């Protein structure tokens, strides 16, 4: 049987009796699902990573960049190539 009180204590939560019952039902369903998963028969097969992942890359394109001088002209305060901003704490 699942110890709901212990799980609640570990999670640092208080549960009402009704909540404990609902939680017990939910956890029981989850455990049943895990039992079904364990029953599934799988065959062992070595798989190459190439079979799983697509290692194709997109083509590189040159993007247009901003003109630094144009940006610096629009900034209110500057010292050569440095931008002055208000002090923040």
N, C-alpha and C. Protein backbone atom coordinates (compact mmCIF):
# COMPACT_ATOMS: atom_id res chain seq x y z
N UNK A 1 0.84 -1.18 0.00
CA UNK A 1 0.00 0.00 0.00
C UNK A 1 0.89 1.25 0.00
N UNK A 2 0.45 2.26 -0.68
CA UNK A 2 1.19 3.50 -0.79
C UNK A 2 0.97 4.32 0.48
N UNK A 3 2.05 4.85 1.03
CA UNK A 3 1.94 5.66 2.24
C UNK A 3 1.75 7.12 1.84
N UNK A 4 0.49 7.52 1.72
CA UNK A 4 0.16 8.86 1.30
C UNK A 4 0.67 9.90 2.30
N UNK A 5 0.56 9.60 3.59
CA UNK A 5 1.02 10.55 4.61
C UNK A 5 2.52 10.83 4.46
N UNK A 6 3.29 9.77 4.17
CA UNK A 6 4.74 9.94 4.02
C UNK A 6 5.04 10.79 2.79
N UNK A 7 4.32 10.55 1.69
CA UNK A 7 4.52 11.34 0.47
C UNK A 7 4.16 12.80 0.73
N UNK A 8 3.06 13.03 1.43
CA UNK A 8 2.65 14.40 1.76
C UNK A 8 3.69 15.07 2.65
N UNK A 9 4.24 14.33 3.61
CA UNK A 9 5.26 14.88 4.49
C UNK A 9 6.52 15.25 3.70
N UNK A 10 6.94 14.37 2.77
CA UNK A 10 8.11 14.64 1.95
C UNK A 10 7.90 15.85 1.05
N UNK A 11 6.66 16.01 0.58
CA UNK A 11 6.34 17.14 -0.29
C UNK A 11 6.01 18.40 0.51
N UNK A 12 5.98 18.27 1.82
CA UNK A 12 5.68 19.39 2.73
C UNK A 12 4.31 20.00 2.44
N UNK A 13 3.31 19.12 2.26
CA UNK A 13 1.95 19.59 2.04
C UNK A 13 1.00 18.93 3.04
N UNK A 14 -0.07 19.64 3.37
CA UNK A 14 -1.11 19.08 4.23
C UNK A 14 -2.25 18.61 3.35
N UNK A 15 -2.75 17.43 3.63
CA UNK A 15 -3.84 16.87 2.84
C UNK A 15 -5.02 16.56 3.74
N UNK A 16 -6.19 16.89 3.24
CA UNK A 16 -7.43 16.48 3.91
C UNK A 16 -7.68 15.01 3.59
N UNK A 17 -8.54 14.39 4.33
CA UNK A 17 -8.82 12.95 4.13
C UNK A 17 -9.31 12.67 2.71
N UNK A 18 -10.19 13.54 2.20
CA UNK A 18 -10.72 13.36 0.84
C UNK A 18 -9.60 13.46 -0.19
N UNK A 19 -8.67 14.42 0.02
CA UNK A 19 -7.54 14.59 -0.90
C UNK A 19 -6.62 13.37 -0.86
N UNK A 20 -6.45 12.78 0.32
CA UNK A 20 -5.62 11.57 0.44
C UNK A 20 -6.21 10.43 -0.38
N UNK A 21 -7.53 10.29 -0.30
CA UNK A 21 -8.20 9.21 -1.05
C UNK A 21 -8.04 9.41 -2.55
N UNK A 22 -8.23 10.66 -3.02
CA UNK A 22 -8.08 10.95 -4.44
C UNK A 22 -6.64 10.72 -4.90
N UNK A 23 -5.70 11.16 -4.09
CA UNK A 23 -4.29 10.97 -4.41
C UNK A 23 -3.93 9.49 -4.47
N UNK A 24 -4.46 8.72 -3.54
CA UNK A 24 -4.22 7.27 -3.52
C UNK A 24 -4.73 6.63 -4.81
N UNK A 25 -5.92 7.03 -5.24
CA UNK A 25 -6.48 6.49 -6.49
C UNK A 25 -5.60 6.85 -7.68
N UNK A 26 -5.17 8.12 -7.74
CA UNK A 26 -4.34 8.57 -8.86
C UNK A 26 -3.00 7.83 -8.91
N UNK A 27 -2.36 7.71 -7.76
CA UNK A 27 -1.07 7.02 -7.71
C UNK A 27 -1.23 5.54 -8.06
N UNK A 28 -2.32 4.94 -7.61
CA UNK A 28 -2.58 3.54 -7.95
C UNK A 28 -2.72 3.35 -9.46
N UNK A 29 -3.41 4.28 -10.11
CA UNK A 29 -3.57 4.20 -11.57
C UNK A 29 -2.21 4.33 -12.26
N UNK A 30 -1.39 5.24 -11.77
CA UNK A 30 -0.06 5.43 -12.36
C UNK A 30 0.78 4.17 -12.22
N UNK A 31 0.74 3.56 -11.04
CA UNK A 31 1.51 2.32 -10.83
C UNK A 31 1.00 1.19 -11.72
N UNK A 32 -0.29 1.13 -11.94
CA UNK A 32 -0.85 0.11 -12.84
C UNK A 32 -0.34 0.32 -14.26
N UNK A 33 -0.24 1.58 -14.66
CA UNK A 33 0.27 1.86 -16.01
C UNK A 33 1.73 1.41 -16.14
N UNK A 34 2.52 1.63 -15.10
CA UNK A 34 3.91 1.17 -15.13
C UNK A 34 3.99 -0.35 -15.21
N UNK A 35 3.09 -1.04 -14.52
CA UNK A 35 3.08 -2.51 -14.61
C UNK A 35 2.80 -2.95 -16.04
N UNK A 36 1.86 -2.28 -16.71
CA UNK A 36 1.54 -2.63 -18.10
C UNK A 36 2.74 -2.37 -19.01
N UNK A 37 3.44 -1.27 -18.76
CA UNK A 37 4.61 -0.94 -19.58
C UNK A 37 5.69 -2.01 -19.41
N UNK A 38 5.86 -2.51 -18.19
CA UNK A 38 6.88 -3.54 -17.94
C UNK A 38 6.54 -4.85 -18.63
N UNK A 39 5.27 -5.08 -18.92
CA UNK A 39 4.87 -6.32 -19.58
C UNK A 39 5.13 -6.31 -21.08
N UNK A 40 5.39 -5.15 -21.65
CA UNK A 40 5.60 -5.04 -23.09
C UNK A 40 6.90 -5.74 -23.47
N UNK A 41 6.82 -6.60 -24.47
CA UNK A 41 8.00 -7.32 -24.97
C UNK A 41 8.70 -6.45 -26.01
N UNK A 42 9.98 -6.26 -25.81
CA UNK A 42 10.77 -5.51 -26.79
C UNK A 42 11.96 -6.36 -27.19
N UNK A 43 12.41 -6.17 -28.42
CA UNK A 43 13.58 -6.90 -28.87
C UNK A 43 14.78 -5.97 -28.83
N UNK A 44 15.90 -6.54 -28.47
CA UNK A 44 17.12 -5.73 -28.39
C UNK A 44 17.70 -5.58 -29.78
N UNK A 45 18.08 -4.35 -30.11
CA UNK A 45 18.65 -4.07 -31.42
C UNK A 45 19.64 -2.93 -31.26
N UNK A 46 20.80 -3.08 -31.87
CA UNK A 46 21.77 -1.99 -31.88
C UNK A 46 21.32 -0.96 -32.90
N UNK A 47 21.26 0.27 -32.47
CA UNK A 47 20.80 1.33 -33.36
C UNK A 47 21.92 2.35 -33.50
N UNK A 48 22.22 2.68 -34.75
CA UNK A 48 23.20 3.74 -35.02
C UNK A 48 22.56 5.08 -34.72
N UNK A 49 23.35 6.00 -34.25
CA UNK A 49 22.82 7.34 -33.99
C UNK A 49 22.37 8.00 -35.29
N UNK A 50 22.96 7.59 -36.42
CA UNK A 50 22.55 8.15 -37.71
C UNK A 50 21.11 7.79 -38.04
N UNK A 51 20.65 6.65 -37.53
CA UNK A 51 19.27 6.24 -37.78
C UNK A 51 18.28 7.08 -36.98
N UNK A 52 18.73 7.61 -35.86
CA UNK A 52 17.85 8.36 -34.97
C UNK A 52 17.86 9.84 -35.29
N UNK A 53 19.03 10.40 -35.49
CA UNK A 53 19.18 11.84 -35.65
C UNK A 53 19.45 12.21 -37.10
N UNK A 54 18.92 13.34 -37.49
CA UNK A 54 19.19 13.89 -38.81
C UNK A 54 20.27 14.95 -38.65
N UNK A 55 21.46 14.66 -39.16
CA UNK A 55 22.58 15.55 -38.98
C UNK A 55 22.74 16.55 -40.13
N UNK A 56 21.68 16.80 -40.85
CA UNK A 56 21.78 17.76 -41.94
C UNK A 56 21.68 19.18 -41.36
N UNK A 57 22.43 20.08 -41.95
CA UNK A 57 22.47 21.44 -41.47
C UNK A 57 21.86 22.37 -42.53
N UNK A 58 21.31 23.47 -42.08
CA UNK A 58 20.77 24.43 -43.02
C UNK A 58 21.92 25.22 -43.65
N UNK A 59 21.64 25.78 -44.78
CA UNK A 59 22.65 26.54 -45.48
C UNK A 59 22.86 27.89 -44.79
N UNK A 60 24.11 28.32 -44.72
CA UNK A 60 24.41 29.61 -44.10
C UNK A 60 24.12 30.73 -45.08
N UNK A 61 23.55 31.80 -44.55
CA UNK A 61 23.30 32.98 -45.38
C UNK A 61 23.89 34.20 -44.67
N UNK A 62 24.35 35.15 -45.45
CA UNK A 62 24.90 36.37 -44.88
C UNK A 62 23.75 37.34 -44.66
N UNK A 63 23.62 37.79 -43.42
CA UNK A 63 22.54 38.71 -43.08
C UNK A 63 23.05 40.14 -43.08
N UNK A 64 22.16 41.06 -43.37
CA UNK A 64 22.52 42.47 -43.35
C UNK A 64 22.69 42.92 -41.91
N UNK A 65 23.75 43.67 -41.62
CA UNK A 65 23.99 44.13 -40.26
C UNK A 65 23.73 45.63 -40.16
N UNK A 66 23.67 46.12 -38.94
CA UNK A 66 23.44 47.53 -38.71
C UNK A 66 24.74 48.31 -38.84
N UNK A 67 24.63 49.55 -39.25
CA UNK A 67 25.77 50.44 -39.36
C UNK A 67 26.03 51.07 -37.99
N UNK A 68 27.20 50.79 -37.39
CA UNK A 68 27.52 51.27 -36.04
C UNK A 68 27.45 52.79 -35.95
N UNK A 69 27.99 53.49 -36.92
CA UNK A 69 27.99 54.95 -36.87
C UNK A 69 26.57 55.50 -36.85
N UNK A 70 25.72 54.90 -37.62
CA UNK A 70 24.32 55.35 -37.67
C UNK A 70 23.65 55.16 -36.31
N UNK A 71 23.93 54.05 -35.67
CA UNK A 71 23.37 53.78 -34.34
C UNK A 71 23.94 54.76 -33.33
N UNK A 72 25.26 54.97 -33.35
CA UNK A 72 25.90 55.86 -32.39
C UNK A 72 25.41 57.30 -32.53
N UNK A 73 25.11 57.75 -33.73
CA UNK A 73 24.61 59.11 -33.94
C UNK A 73 23.25 59.31 -33.27
N UNK A 74 22.45 58.27 -33.21
CA UNK A 74 21.10 58.37 -32.64
C UNK A 74 21.08 58.23 -31.12
N UNK A 75 22.20 57.87 -30.52
CA UNK A 75 22.24 57.68 -29.07
C UNK A 75 22.51 59.02 -28.39
N UNK A 76 21.73 59.37 -27.35
CA UNK A 76 21.87 60.71 -26.75
C UNK A 76 23.23 60.98 -26.11
N UNK A 77 23.78 60.07 -25.36
CA UNK A 77 25.07 60.30 -24.69
C UNK A 77 26.06 59.22 -25.11
N UNK A 78 27.25 59.69 -25.50
CA UNK A 78 28.27 58.71 -25.86
C UNK A 78 29.65 59.30 -25.68
N UNK A 79 30.61 58.41 -25.52
CA UNK A 79 32.02 58.79 -25.41
C UNK A 79 32.76 57.92 -26.41
N UNK A 80 33.08 58.49 -27.58
CA UNK A 80 33.65 57.78 -28.72
C UNK A 80 32.73 56.62 -29.09
N UNK A 81 33.17 55.35 -28.92
CA UNK A 81 32.31 54.21 -29.27
C UNK A 81 31.57 53.63 -28.08
N UNK A 82 31.63 54.31 -26.94
CA UNK A 82 30.94 53.83 -25.74
C UNK A 82 29.64 54.58 -25.56
N UNK A 83 28.61 53.87 -25.16
CA UNK A 83 27.31 54.48 -24.96
C UNK A 83 27.10 54.70 -23.46
N UNK A 84 26.67 55.91 -23.09
CA UNK A 84 26.41 56.21 -21.69
C UNK A 84 24.94 55.97 -21.40
N UNK A 85 24.69 55.25 -20.33
CA UNK A 85 23.32 54.96 -19.92
C UNK A 85 23.13 55.42 -18.47
N UNK A 86 21.88 55.64 -18.05
CA UNK A 86 21.65 56.05 -16.67
C UNK A 86 22.11 54.96 -15.70
N UNK A 87 22.60 55.38 -14.55
CA UNK A 87 23.07 54.45 -13.53
C UNK A 87 21.88 53.66 -12.96
N UNK A 88 22.06 52.37 -12.82
CA UNK A 88 21.01 51.53 -12.24
C UNK A 88 21.59 50.81 -11.03
N UNK A 89 20.72 50.56 -10.07
CA UNK A 89 21.15 49.86 -8.86
C UNK A 89 20.63 48.46 -8.84
